[in-house]
C-alpha atoms as a PDB file:
ATOM      1  CA  MET A   1      51.253 -18.442   6.129  1.00  0.00           C
ATOM      2  CA  ARG A   2      53.724 -15.913   7.309  1.00  0.00           C
ATOM      3  CA  PRO A   3      53.521 -14.978  10.984  1.00  0.00           C
ATOM      4  CA  LEU A   4      52.118 -11.484  10.271  1.00  0.00           C
ATOM      5  CA  THR A   5      49.728 -12.537   7.511  1.00  0.00           C
ATOM      6  CA  ARG A   6      47.515 -14.681   9.715  1.00  0.00           C
ATOM      7  CA  PRO A   7      46.657 -11.910  12.262  1.00  0.00           C
ATOM      8  CA  ALA A   8      46.072  -9.472   9.400  1.00  0.00           C
ATOM      9  CA  VAL A   9      43.620 -11.857   7.701  1.00  0.00           C
ATOM     10  CA  LEU A  10      41.783 -12.502  10.976  1.00  0.00           C
ATOM     11  CA  ALA A  11      41.560  -8.774  11.691  1.00  0.00           C
ATOM     12  CA  GLY A  12      40.219  -8.180   8.181  1.00  0.00           C
ATOM     13  CA  LEU A  13      37.534 -10.855   8.584  1.00  0.00           C
ATOM     14  CA  ALA A  14      36.525  -9.472  11.970  1.00  0.00           C
ATOM     15  CA  SER A  15      36.156  -5.967  10.543  1.00  0.00           C
ATOM     16  CA  VAL A  16      34.043  -7.256   7.640  1.00  0.00           C
ATOM     17  CA  LEU A  17      31.705  -8.973  10.101  1.00  0.00           C
ATOM     18  CA  LEU A  18      31.451  -5.858  12.243  1.00  0.00           C
ATOM     19  CA  LEU A  19      30.798  -3.589   9.268  1.00  0.00           C
ATOM     20  CA  SER A  20      28.165  -5.911   7.805  1.00  0.00           C
ATOM     21  CA  GLY A  21      25.980  -5.496  10.874  1.00  0.00           C
ATOM     22  CA  CYS A  22      25.796  -9.193  11.637  1.00  0.00           C
ATOM     23  CA  SER A  23      24.648  -9.940  15.114  1.00  0.00           C
ATOM     24  CA  PRO A  24      23.884 -13.187  16.891  1.00  0.00           C
ATOM     25  CA  VAL A  25      20.990 -11.434  18.673  1.00  0.00           C
ATOM     26  CA  THR A  26      17.912 -10.605  16.611  1.00  0.00           C
ATOM     27  CA  ALA A  27      14.567  -9.225  17.624  1.00  0.00           C
ATOM     28  CA  PRO A  28      11.980 -10.371  15.078  1.00  0.00           C
ATOM     29  CA  GLU A  29       9.180  -9.262  17.416  1.00  0.00           C
ATOM     30  CA  ALA A  30      10.293  -5.650  17.041  1.00  0.00           C
ATOM     31  CA  ASP A  31       9.724  -5.860  13.290  1.00  0.00           C
ATOM     32  CA  ARG A  32       6.135  -7.049  13.796  1.00  0.00           C
ATOM     33  CA  ARG A  33       5.083  -4.370  16.274  1.00  0.00           C
ATOM     34  CA  VAL A  34       5.146  -1.469  13.835  1.00  0.00           C
ATOM     35  CA  PRO A  35       3.038  -1.895  10.690  1.00  0.00           C
ATOM     36  CA  PRO A  36       4.872  -1.194   7.460  1.00  0.00           C
ATOM     37  CA  THR A  37       4.483   2.337   6.178  1.00  0.00           C
ATOM     38  CA  THR A  38       6.111   1.743   2.833  1.00  0.00           C
ATOM     39  CA  PRO A  39       4.028   2.475  -0.238  1.00  0.00           C
ATOM     40  CA  GLY A  40       2.206  -0.351  -1.941  1.00  0.00           C
ATOM     41  CA  PRO A  41       2.797  -1.601  -5.467  1.00  0.00           C
ATOM     42  CA  THR A  42       2.994   0.737  -8.437  1.00  0.00           C
ATOM     43  CA  ALA A  43       1.269  -1.768 -10.718  1.00  0.00           C
ATOM     44  CA  THR A  44      -1.360  -4.435 -10.274  1.00  0.00           C
ATOM     45  CA  ALA A  45      -3.285  -6.962 -12.289  1.00  0.00           C
ATOM     46  CA  THR A  46      -5.935  -5.393 -14.486  1.00  0.00           C
ATOM     47  CA  ALA A  47      -8.581  -7.691 -12.963  1.00  0.00           C
ATOM     48  CA  ALA A  48      -9.881  -6.701  -9.539  1.00  0.00           C
ATOM     49  CA  PRO A  49     -10.261  -9.429  -6.884  1.00  0.00           C
ATOM     50  CA  ASP A  50     -13.822 -10.818  -6.443  1.00  0.00           C
ATOM     51  CA  GLU A  51     -14.412  -8.977  -3.159  1.00  0.00           C
ATOM     52  CA  ALA A  52     -13.331  -5.692  -4.778  1.00  0.00           C
ATOM     53  CA  ALA A  53     -15.576  -6.306  -7.810  1.00  0.00           C
ATOM     54  CA  ARG A  54     -18.598  -6.955  -5.565  1.00  0.00           C
ATOM     55  CA  THR A  55     -17.985  -3.744  -3.592  1.00  0.00           C
ATOM     56  CA  ALA A  56     -17.623  -1.799  -6.849  1.00  0.00           C
ATOM     57  CA  GLY A  57     -20.889  -3.302  -8.123  1.00  0.00           C
ATOM     58  CA  ARG A  58     -22.716  -2.038  -5.036  1.00  0.00           C
ATOM     59  CA  TYR A  59     -20.999   1.338  -5.464  1.00  0.00           C
ATOM     60  CA  ARG A  60     -22.129   1.642  -9.103  1.00  0.00           C
ATOM     61  CA  ARG A  61     -25.704   0.551  -8.272  1.00  0.00           C
ATOM     62  CA  SER A  62     -25.882   3.328  -5.674  1.00  0.00           C
ATOM     63  CA  GLY A  63     -24.987   5.908  -8.328  1.00  0.00           C
ATOM     64  CA  GLY A  64     -21.195   5.691  -8.299  1.00  0.00           C
ATOM     65  CA  THR A  65     -18.916   6.192 -11.290  1.00  0.00           C
ATOM     66  CA  GLU A  66     -19.445   3.516 -13.956  1.00  0.00           C
ATOM     67  CA  ASP A  67     -15.701   3.312 -14.719  1.00  0.00           C
ATOM     68  CA  VAL A  68     -14.916   1.890 -11.258  1.00  0.00           C
ATOM     69  CA  TYR A  69     -14.754  -1.910 -11.392  1.00  0.00           C
ATOM     70  CA  GLY A  70     -12.950  -2.656  -8.126  1.00  0.00           C
ATOM     71  CA  ILE A  71     -12.852  -1.246  -4.589  1.00  0.00           C
ATOM     72  CA  LEU A  72     -10.829  -3.168  -2.016  1.00  0.00           C
ATOM     73  CA  ARG A  73     -10.894  -2.199   1.665  1.00  0.00           C
ATOM     74  CA  ARG A  74      -8.325  -3.411   4.154  1.00  0.00           C
ATOM     75  CA  SER A  75      -6.752  -2.186   7.353  1.00  0.00           C
ATOM     76  CA  GLY A  76      -3.653  -0.083   6.803  1.00  0.00           C
ATOM     77  CA  PRO A  77      -0.967   1.263   9.152  1.00  0.00           C
ATOM     78  CA  GLU A  78      -2.281   2.171  12.592  1.00  0.00           C
ATOM     79  CA  GLY A  79      -5.703   0.784  11.625  1.00  0.00           C
ATOM     80  CA  VAL A  80      -6.626   3.446   9.074  1.00  0.00           C
ATOM     81  CA  PRO A  81      -8.591   2.193   6.058  1.00  0.00           C
ATOM     82  CA  ALA A  82      -6.405   1.386   3.060  1.00  0.00           C
ATOM     83  CA  LEU A  83      -8.413   1.535  -0.163  1.00  0.00           C
ATOM     84  CA  THR A  84      -7.466   0.216  -3.581  1.00  0.00           C
ATOM     85  CA  VAL A  85      -9.598   1.355  -6.508  1.00  0.00           C
ATOM     86  CA  TRP A  86      -9.512  -0.033 -10.055  1.00  0.00           C
ATOM     87  CA  THR A  87     -10.924   2.165 -12.832  1.00  0.00           C
ATOM     88  CA  ARG A  88     -11.386   1.867 -16.586  1.00  0.00           C
ATOM     89  CA  ASP A  89     -10.945   5.644 -16.942  1.00  0.00           C
ATOM     90  CA  PRO A  90      -7.543   6.266 -18.568  1.00  0.00           C
ATOM     91  CA  ASP A  91      -7.569   9.944 -17.513  1.00  0.00           C
ATOM     92  CA  SER A  92      -5.456  10.661 -14.440  1.00  0.00           C
ATOM     93  CA  ASP A  93      -5.861  14.403 -13.930  1.00  0.00           C
ATOM     94  CA  ALA A  94      -6.229  15.829 -10.423  1.00  0.00           C
ATOM     95  CA  GLU A  95      -9.786  17.093 -10.924  1.00  0.00           C
ATOM     96  CA  ARG A  96     -11.108  13.647 -11.883  1.00  0.00           C
ATOM     97  CA  PHE A  97      -9.194  12.053  -9.034  1.00  0.00           C
ATOM     98  CA  ASP A  98     -10.711  14.460  -6.502  1.00  0.00           C
ATOM     99  CA  ALA A  99     -14.211  13.655  -7.785  1.00  0.00           C
ATOM    100  CA  LEU A 100     -13.504   9.903  -7.676  1.00  0.00           C
ATOM    101  CA  ARG A 101     -11.990  10.121  -4.192  1.00  0.00           C
ATOM    102  CA  ALA A 102     -14.986  12.031  -2.834  1.00  0.00           C
ATOM    103  CA  SER A 103     -17.442   9.666  -4.518  1.00  0.00           C
ATOM    104  CA  VAL A 104     -15.788   6.443  -3.295  1.00  0.00           C
ATOM    105  CA  THR A 105     -15.156   7.607   0.274  1.00  0.00           C
ATOM    106  CA  GLY A 106     -18.652   9.109   0.483  1.00  0.00           C
ATOM    107  CA  TYR A 107     -20.197   5.809  -0.608  1.00  0.00           C
ATOM    108  CA  LEU A 108     -18.063   3.712   1.756  1.00  0.00           C
ATOM    109  CA  GLU A 109     -18.877   5.950   4.704  1.00  0.00           C
ATOM    110  CA  ARG A 110     -22.582   6.333   3.934  1.00  0.00           C
ATOM    111  CA  GLU A 111     -23.495   2.862   2.626  1.00  0.00           C
ATOM    112  CA  GLU A 112     -20.822   0.512   3.983  1.00  0.00           C
ATOM    113  CA  GLY A 113     -20.369   2.166   7.402  1.00  0.00           C
ATOM    114  CA  LEU A 114     -16.625   2.746   7.049  1.00  0.00           C
ATOM    115  CA  SER A 115     -15.154   5.396   9.355  1.00  0.00           C
ATOM    116  CA  PHE A 116     -12.599   7.870   8.060  1.00  0.00           C
ATOM    117  CA  GLU A 117     -12.140   9.563  11.425  1.00  0.00           C
ATOM    118  CA  GLN A 118      -8.399   8.808  11.383  1.00  0.00           C
ATOM    119  CA  GLY A 119      -8.096   9.416   7.648  1.00  0.00           C
ATOM    120  CA  TYR A 120      -7.330   6.824   4.977  1.00  0.00           C
ATOM    121  CA  LEU A 121      -4.897   5.671   2.302  1.00  0.00           C
ATOM    122  CA  MET A 122      -5.984   5.296  -1.319  1.00  0.00           C
ATOM    123  CA  ASP A 123      -4.315   3.820  -4.394  1.00  0.00           C
ATOM    124  CA  VAL A 124      -6.046   4.153  -7.776  1.00  0.00           C
ATOM    125  CA  PHE A 125      -5.020   1.876 -10.642  1.00  0.00           C
ATOM    126  CA  GLY A 126      -5.899   2.555 -14.282  1.00  0.00           C
ATOM    127  CA  PRO A 127      -7.138   0.200 -16.996  1.00  0.00           C
ATOM    128  CA  ASP A 128      -3.617  -1.018 -17.794  1.00  0.00           C
ATOM    129  CA  GLY A 129      -2.894  -1.855 -14.134  1.00  0.00           C
ATOM    130  CA  SER A 130      -0.541   1.090 -13.579  1.00  0.00           C
ATOM    131  CA  LEU A 131      -0.744   3.288 -10.500  1.00  0.00           C
ATOM    132  CA  ARG A 132      -2.587   6.527 -11.323  1.00  0.00           C
ATOM    133  CA  HIS A 133      -2.852   8.098  -7.872  1.00  0.00           C
ATOM    134  CA  ARG A 134      -1.582   7.431  -4.354  1.00  0.00           C
ATOM    135  CA  LEU A 135      -3.072   9.459  -1.509  1.00  0.00           C
ATOM    136  CA  ASP A 136      -2.142   9.447   2.172  1.00  0.00           C
ATOM    137  CA  ALA A 137      -4.989  11.287   3.930  1.00  0.00           C
ATOM    138  CA  ARG A 138      -4.176  10.169   7.476  1.00  0.00           C
ATOM    139  CA  ARG A 139      -4.882  12.631  10.265  1.00  0.00           C
END
């Protein structure tokens, strides 16, 4: 190599490393402290998990919408309930969603003892597994 080429190559490599954000010090704990707030999937399997199917069965027996065949409850960001609902209803208009939302949350609060004091997150998937509605009702 020529005398000037070698320092130029080394300087170029150093700048690439600096610009790439590489660092020998990482803090994986920092990533675990804050729950992810990114949206969930936009599609899912058309079959609801067993736990979700059982919850939906109880919901329907208590007078809930017959089209609902899955309701999954889990803890979301900051501990708010994150709900996933599977429905056979292909209609995705806002009026039907509002009725479904009120029916499902009313049942879960009244019959299953779930608290919505801090709000909730809800994803509704249609019969083909596509996302129909995503609601962030956190307070």
